[in-house]
């Protein structure tokens, strides 16, 4: 990221102008499934729209203290029918926190599903037969999973975390603007 930022290849999400380095945001701990990771995100500045942006690694979900793998596991469990209290106990998180993730995921389910489907098609994979959708969140999690598999097949990278990839492709998973693939 540092090299891309220095070369002017990182663009502003608002106006598409190149971003410039602008120091660092405060250091924070991101809670993962097992332990935590310290992160000190880079700040970037857009000269055209006069805004600063915080550039987060893909394992971070914007405005959330927990990592993508934790929130993704909660969304998957909910899509498979588990309740928020059960999920919270499994993940060792407060029930109110988990309920907030699930509500945000449900609000964005249609946008997340569309984003996952567009990326799957753009990466050259077929979506297969239409499936029954027991819930909008189930459809969204399924579409994001297909996009992650398509990415792994296209780029021969089985090590990529599907939830980190989902954060990157959707522009933040629970927040932000879903990103369309190039050409859409």
C-alpha atoms as a PDB file:
ATOM      1  CA  UNK A   1       0.000   0.000   0.000  1.00  0.00           C
ATOM      2  CA  UNK A   2       2.804   2.382   0.875  1.00  0.00           C
ATOM      3  CA  UNK A   3       4.447   1.961  -2.541  1.00  0.00           C
ATOM      4  CA  UNK A   4       1.125   2.378  -4.367  1.00  0.00           C
ATOM      5  CA  UNK A   5       0.325   5.484  -2.327  1.00  0.00           C
ATOM      6  CA  UNK A   6       3.756   6.999  -3.024  1.00  0.00           C
ATOM      7  CA  UNK A   7       3.372   6.277  -6.758  1.00  0.00           C
ATOM      8  CA  UNK A   8      -0.071   7.937  -6.875  1.00  0.00           C
ATOM      9  CA  UNK A   9      -1.950   4.718  -7.670  1.00  0.00           C
ATOM     10  CA  UNK A  10      -4.383   4.946  -4.731  1.00  0.00           C
ATOM     11  CA  UNK A  11      -7.441   6.984  -5.671  1.00  0.00           C
ATOM     12  CA  UNK A  12      -9.918   8.972  -3.619  1.00  0.00           C
ATOM     13  CA  UNK A  13     -13.210   7.070  -3.262  1.00  0.00           C
ATOM     14  CA  UNK A  14     -15.143  10.331  -3.678  1.00  0.00           C
ATOM     15  CA  UNK A  15     -13.530  11.954  -6.731  1.00  0.00           C
ATOM     16  CA  UNK A  16     -10.965   9.425  -8.082  1.00  0.00           C
ATOM     17  CA  UNK A  17      -8.036  11.856  -7.701  1.00  0.00           C
ATOM     18  CA  UNK A  18      -4.721  10.393  -6.516  1.00  0.00           C
ATOM     19  CA  UNK A  19      -4.244  10.404  -2.757  1.00  0.00           C
ATOM     20  CA  UNK A  20      -1.118  11.647  -0.979  1.00  0.00           C
ATOM     21  CA  UNK A  21       0.313  10.521   2.367  1.00  0.00           C
ATOM     22  CA  UNK A  22      -1.008  12.435   5.358  1.00  0.00           C
ATOM     23  CA  UNK A  23       0.445  10.837   8.484  1.00  0.00           C
ATOM     24  CA  UNK A  24      -1.172   8.094  10.516  1.00  0.00           C
ATOM     25  CA  UNK A  25      -4.386   7.570  12.448  1.00  0.00           C
ATOM     26  CA  UNK A  26      -4.220   6.516  16.088  1.00  0.00           C
ATOM     27  CA  UNK A  27      -3.089   3.021  16.889  1.00  0.00           C
ATOM     28  CA  UNK A  28      -5.879   0.583  17.734  1.00  0.00           C
ATOM     29  CA  UNK A  29      -6.347  -3.069  18.509  1.00  0.00           C
ATOM     30  CA  UNK A  30      -8.539  -5.140  16.218  1.00  0.00           C
ATOM     31  CA  UNK A  31     -10.032  -8.186  17.936  1.00  0.00           C
ATOM     32  CA  UNK A  32      -9.608 -11.319  15.858  1.00  0.00           C
ATOM     33  CA  UNK A  33     -10.992 -14.828  16.478  1.00  0.00           C
ATOM     34  CA  UNK A  34      -7.931 -15.715  18.559  1.00  0.00           C
ATOM     35  CA  UNK A  35      -6.246 -12.678  20.092  1.00  0.00           C
ATOM     36  CA  UNK A  36      -5.839  -9.217  18.656  1.00  0.00           C
ATOM     37  CA  UNK A  37      -3.746  -7.293  16.134  1.00  0.00           C
ATOM     38  CA  UNK A  38      -2.381  -3.796  16.626  1.00  0.00           C
ATOM     39  CA  UNK A  39      -2.960  -1.510  13.669  1.00  0.00           C
ATOM     40  CA  UNK A  40      -1.804   2.032  12.986  1.00  0.00           C
ATOM     41  CA  UNK A  41      -3.646   2.938   9.778  1.00  0.00           C
ATOM     42  CA  UNK A  42      -2.184   5.290   7.198  1.00  0.00           C
ATOM     43  CA  UNK A  43      -4.006   8.550   6.494  1.00  0.00           C
ATOM     44  CA  UNK A  44      -4.225   9.904   2.975  1.00  0.00           C
ATOM     45  CA  UNK A  45      -5.240  13.333   1.648  1.00  0.00           C
ATOM     46  CA  UNK A  46      -7.102  14.259  -1.518  1.00  0.00           C
ATOM     47  CA  UNK A  47      -6.102  17.642  -2.917  1.00  0.00           C
ATOM     48  CA  UNK A  48      -9.124  17.919  -5.222  1.00  0.00           C
ATOM     49  CA  UNK A  49     -11.929  17.382  -2.686  1.00  0.00           C
ATOM     50  CA  UNK A  50      -9.864  18.512   0.332  1.00  0.00           C
ATOM     51  CA  UNK A  51     -10.648  15.413   2.416  1.00  0.00           C
ATOM     52  CA  UNK A  52      -8.597  12.940   4.379  1.00  0.00           C
ATOM     53  CA  UNK A  53      -9.165   9.198   4.354  1.00  0.00           C
ATOM     54  CA  UNK A  54      -7.994   6.437   6.658  1.00  0.00           C
ATOM     55  CA  UNK A  55      -6.654   3.448   4.719  1.00  0.00           C
ATOM     56  CA  UNK A  56      -7.418   0.226   6.559  1.00  0.00           C
ATOM     57  CA  UNK A  57      -6.059  -3.258   5.879  1.00  0.00           C
ATOM     58  CA  UNK A  58      -8.626  -5.752   4.571  1.00  0.00           C
ATOM     59  CA  UNK A  59      -8.900  -7.580   7.894  1.00  0.00           C
ATOM     60  CA  UNK A  60     -10.426  -4.410   9.416  1.00  0.00           C
ATOM     61  CA  UNK A  61     -14.099  -3.574   8.994  1.00  0.00           C
ATOM     62  CA  UNK A  62     -14.647   0.207   9.029  1.00  0.00           C
ATOM     63  CA  UNK A  63     -16.101   1.536  12.280  1.00  0.00           C
ATOM     64  CA  UNK A  64     -15.785  -1.851  13.975  1.00  0.00           C
ATOM     65  CA  UNK A  65     -13.369  -3.076  16.634  1.00  0.00           C
ATOM     66  CA  UNK A  66     -13.629  -6.697  15.498  1.00  0.00           C
ATOM     67  CA  UNK A  67     -11.932  -8.167  12.451  1.00  0.00           C
ATOM     68  CA  UNK A  68     -13.512  -9.331   9.220  1.00  0.00           C
ATOM     69  CA  UNK A  69     -13.202 -13.013  10.116  1.00  0.00           C
ATOM     70  CA  UNK A  70     -15.161 -12.511  13.360  1.00  0.00           C
ATOM     71  CA  UNK A  71     -17.962 -10.469  11.802  1.00  0.00           C
ATOM     72  CA  UNK A  72     -18.036 -12.773   8.774  1.00  0.00           C
ATOM     73  CA  UNK A  73     -18.406 -15.817  11.033  1.00  0.00           C
ATOM     74  CA  UNK A  74     -21.359 -14.110  12.744  1.00  0.00           C
ATOM     75  CA  UNK A  75     -23.036 -13.307   9.402  1.00  0.00           C
ATOM     76  CA  UNK A  76     -22.532 -16.883   8.203  1.00  0.00           C
ATOM     77  CA  UNK A  77     -23.947 -18.327  11.430  1.00  0.00           C
ATOM     78  CA  UNK A  78     -27.006 -16.065  11.165  1.00  0.00           C
ATOM     79  CA  UNK A  79     -27.502 -17.013   7.508  1.00  0.00           C
ATOM     80  CA  UNK A  80     -27.528 -20.654   8.632  1.00  0.00           C
ATOM     81  CA  UNK A  81     -30.191 -19.930  11.245  1.00  0.00           C
ATOM     82  CA  UNK A  82     -28.397 -19.247  14.549  1.00  0.00           C
ATOM     83  CA  UNK A  83     -29.654 -16.515  16.883  1.00  0.00           C
ATOM     84  CA  UNK A  84     -27.600 -13.530  18.019  1.00  0.00           C
ATOM     85  CA  UNK A  85     -27.158 -14.799  21.587  1.00  0.00           C
ATOM     86  CA  UNK A  86     -25.855 -18.163  20.408  1.00  0.00           C
ATOM     87  CA  UNK A  87     -23.487 -16.478  17.984  1.00  0.00           C
ATOM     88  CA  UNK A  88     -22.286 -14.064  20.673  1.00  0.00           C
ATOM     89  CA  UNK A  89     -21.534 -16.947  23.045  1.00  0.00           C
ATOM     90  CA  UNK A  90     -19.651 -18.830  20.313  1.00  0.00           C
ATOM     91  CA  UNK A  91     -17.559 -15.784  19.418  1.00  0.00           C
ATOM     92  CA  UNK A  92     -17.164 -14.540  23.005  1.00  0.00           C
ATOM     93  CA  UNK A  93     -18.620 -11.117  22.160  1.00  0.00           C
ATOM     94  CA  UNK A  94     -21.430  -9.098  23.790  1.00  0.00           C
ATOM     95  CA  UNK A  95     -24.890  -9.964  22.407  1.00  0.00           C
ATOM     96  CA  UNK A  96     -25.623  -6.303  21.635  1.00  0.00           C
ATOM     97  CA  UNK A  97     -22.485  -6.044  19.516  1.00  0.00           C
ATOM     98  CA  UNK A  98     -23.362  -9.143  17.521  1.00  0.00           C
ATOM     99  CA  UNK A  99     -26.973  -7.984  17.127  1.00  0.00           C
ATOM    100  CA  UNK A 100     -25.642  -4.712  15.644  1.00  0.00           C
ATOM    101  CA  UNK A 101     -23.522  -6.568  13.080  1.00  0.00           C
ATOM    102  CA  UNK A 102     -26.442  -8.761  12.088  1.00  0.00           C
ATOM    103  CA  UNK A 103     -28.804  -5.819  11.704  1.00  0.00           C
ATOM    104  CA  UNK A 104     -26.274  -3.916   9.584  1.00  0.00           C
ATOM    105  CA  UNK A 105     -25.705  -7.024   7.459  1.00  0.00           C
ATOM    106  CA  UNK A 106     -29.446  -7.519   6.989  1.00  0.00           C
ATOM    107  CA  UNK A 107     -29.908  -3.852   5.986  1.00  0.00           C
ATOM    108  CA  UNK A 108     -27.208  -4.185   3.334  1.00  0.00           C
ATOM    109  CA  UNK A 109     -28.025  -7.754   2.247  1.00  0.00           C
ATOM    110  CA  UNK A 110     -29.368  -6.848  -1.210  1.00  0.00           C
ATOM    111  CA  UNK A 111     -26.420  -4.559  -2.001  1.00  0.00           C
ATOM    112  CA  UNK A 112     -23.944  -7.157  -0.724  1.00  0.00           C
ATOM    113  CA  UNK A 113     -25.572  -9.888  -2.795  1.00  0.00           C
ATOM    114  CA  UNK A 114     -25.509  -7.773  -5.956  1.00  0.00           C
ATOM    115  CA  UNK A 115     -21.873  -6.851  -5.321  1.00  0.00           C
ATOM    116  CA  UNK A 116     -20.914 -10.504  -4.825  1.00  0.00           C
ATOM    117  CA  UNK A 117     -22.749 -11.563  -7.987  1.00  0.00           C
ATOM    118  CA  UNK A 118     -21.149  -8.823 -10.110  1.00  0.00           C
ATOM    119  CA  UNK A 119     -17.664  -9.733  -8.882  1.00  0.00           C
ATOM    120  CA  UNK A 120     -18.296 -13.442  -9.501  1.00  0.00           C
ATOM    121  CA  UNK A 121     -19.285 -12.732 -13.096  1.00  0.00           C
ATOM    122  CA  UNK A 122     -16.404 -10.264 -13.608  1.00  0.00           C
ATOM    123  CA  UNK A 123     -13.913 -12.849 -12.375  1.00  0.00           C
ATOM    124  CA  UNK A 124     -15.171 -15.256 -15.019  1.00  0.00           C
ATOM    125  CA  UNK A 125     -17.045 -17.726 -12.880  1.00  0.00           C
ATOM    126  CA  UNK A 126     -20.592 -18.869 -13.463  1.00  0.00           C
ATOM    127  CA  UNK A 127     -23.185 -18.258 -10.790  1.00  0.00           C
ATOM    128  CA  UNK A 128     -24.904 -21.592 -11.352  1.00  0.00           C
ATOM    129  CA  UNK A 129     -28.608 -22.168 -10.925  1.00  0.00           C
ATOM    130  CA  UNK A 130     -30.637 -19.648  -8.999  1.00  0.00           C
ATOM    131  CA  UNK A 131     -31.136 -20.887  -5.457  1.00  0.00           C
ATOM    132  CA  UNK A 132     -33.895 -20.568  -2.957  1.00  0.00           C
ATOM    133  CA  UNK A 133     -33.178 -17.726  -0.574  1.00  0.00           C
ATOM    134  CA  UNK A 134     -34.368 -18.456   2.947  1.00  0.00           C
ATOM    135  CA  UNK A 135     -33.383 -14.885   3.849  1.00  0.00           C
ATOM    136  CA  UNK A 136     -31.744 -11.875   2.199  1.00  0.00           C
ATOM    137  CA  UNK A 137     -28.690 -12.324   4.417  1.00  0.00           C
ATOM    138  CA  UNK A 138     -28.334 -15.940   3.254  1.00  0.00           C
ATOM    139  CA  UNK A 139     -28.322 -14.761  -0.365  1.00  0.00           C
ATOM    140  CA  UNK A 140     -25.711 -12.103   0.426  1.00  0.00           C
ATOM    141  CA  UNK A 141     -23.391 -14.519   2.261  1.00  0.00           C
ATOM    142  CA  UNK A 142     -23.768 -17.065  -0.539  1.00  0.00           C
ATOM    143  CA  UNK A 143     -22.964 -14.499  -3.251  1.00  0.00           C
ATOM    144  CA  UNK A 144     -19.911 -13.229  -1.344  1.00  0.00           C
ATOM    145  CA  UNK A 145     -18.727 -16.818  -0.906  1.00  0.00           C
ATOM    146  CA  UNK A 146     -19.037 -17.453  -4.642  1.00  0.00           C
ATOM    147  CA  UNK A 147     -17.068 -14.266  -5.357  1.00  0.00           C
ATOM    148  CA  UNK A 148     -14.308 -15.413  -2.978  1.00  0.00           C
ATOM    149  CA  UNK A 149     -14.125 -18.823  -4.671  1.00  0.00           C
ATOM    150  CA  UNK A 150     -14.021 -17.152  -8.101  1.00  0.00           C
ATOM    151  CA  UNK A 151     -11.145 -14.936  -6.892  1.00  0.00           C
ATOM    152  CA  UNK A 152      -9.230 -17.930  -5.544  1.00  0.00           C
ATOM    153  CA  UNK A 153      -9.684 -19.830  -8.813  1.00  0.00           C
ATOM    154  CA  UNK A 154      -8.809 -16.848 -11.012  1.00  0.00           C
ATOM    155  CA  UNK A 155      -5.678 -15.820  -9.124  1.00  0.00           C
ATOM    156  CA  UNK A 156      -4.643 -19.266  -7.801  1.00  0.00           C
ATOM    157  CA  UNK A 157      -4.513 -17.925  -4.256  1.00  0.00           C
ATOM    158  CA  UNK A 158      -6.141 -20.344  -1.788  1.00  0.00           C
ATOM    159  CA  UNK A 159      -4.624 -18.467   1.189  1.00  0.00           C
ATOM    160  CA  UNK A 160      -6.813 -15.379   0.831  1.00  0.00           C
ATOM    161  CA  UNK A 161      -9.335 -15.061   3.660  1.00  0.00           C
ATOM    162  CA  UNK A 162     -12.848 -14.960   2.142  1.00  0.00           C
ATOM    163  CA  UNK A 163     -14.040 -12.395   4.684  1.00  0.00           C
ATOM    164  CA  UNK A 164     -11.070 -10.078   4.128  1.00  0.00           C
ATOM    165  CA  UNK A 165     -11.740 -10.311   0.413  1.00  0.00           C
ATOM    166  CA  UNK A 166     -15.414  -9.534   1.057  1.00  0.00           C
ATOM    167  CA  UNK A 167     -14.435  -6.387   2.972  1.00  0.00           C
ATOM    168  CA  UNK A 168     -12.239  -5.285   0.064  1.00  0.00           C
ATOM    169  CA  UNK A 169     -14.819  -6.040  -2.650  1.00  0.00           C
ATOM    170  CA  UNK A 170     -17.785  -4.508  -0.853  1.00  0.00           C
ATOM    171  CA  UNK A 171     -16.055  -1.372   0.340  1.00  0.00           C
ATOM    172  CA  UNK A 172     -16.392  -2.234   4.015  1.00  0.00           C
ATOM    173  CA  UNK A 173     -18.890  -5.111   4.354  1.00  0.00           C
ATOM    174  CA  UNK A 174     -21.268  -3.514   6.882  1.00  0.00           C
ATOM    175  CA  UNK A 175     -20.605   0.097   5.835  1.00  0.00           C
ATOM    176  CA  UNK A 176     -19.507   1.994   2.772  1.00  0.00           C
ATOM    177  CA  UNK A 177     -20.345   1.802  -0.876  1.00  0.00           C
ATOM    178  CA  UNK A 178     -20.207  -1.633  -2.528  1.00  0.00           C
ATOM    179  CA  UNK A 179     -17.542  -1.553  -5.233  1.00  0.00           C
ATOM    180  CA  UNK A 180     -18.471  -2.576  -8.734  1.00  0.00           C
ATOM    181  CA  UNK A 181     -15.927  -4.583 -10.702  1.00  0.00           C
ATOM    182  CA  UNK A 182     -14.083  -2.784 -13.522  1.00  0.00           C
ATOM    183  CA  UNK A 183     -16.318  -2.312 -16.552  1.00  0.00           C
ATOM    184  CA  UNK A 184     -19.654  -2.187 -14.669  1.00  0.00           C
END
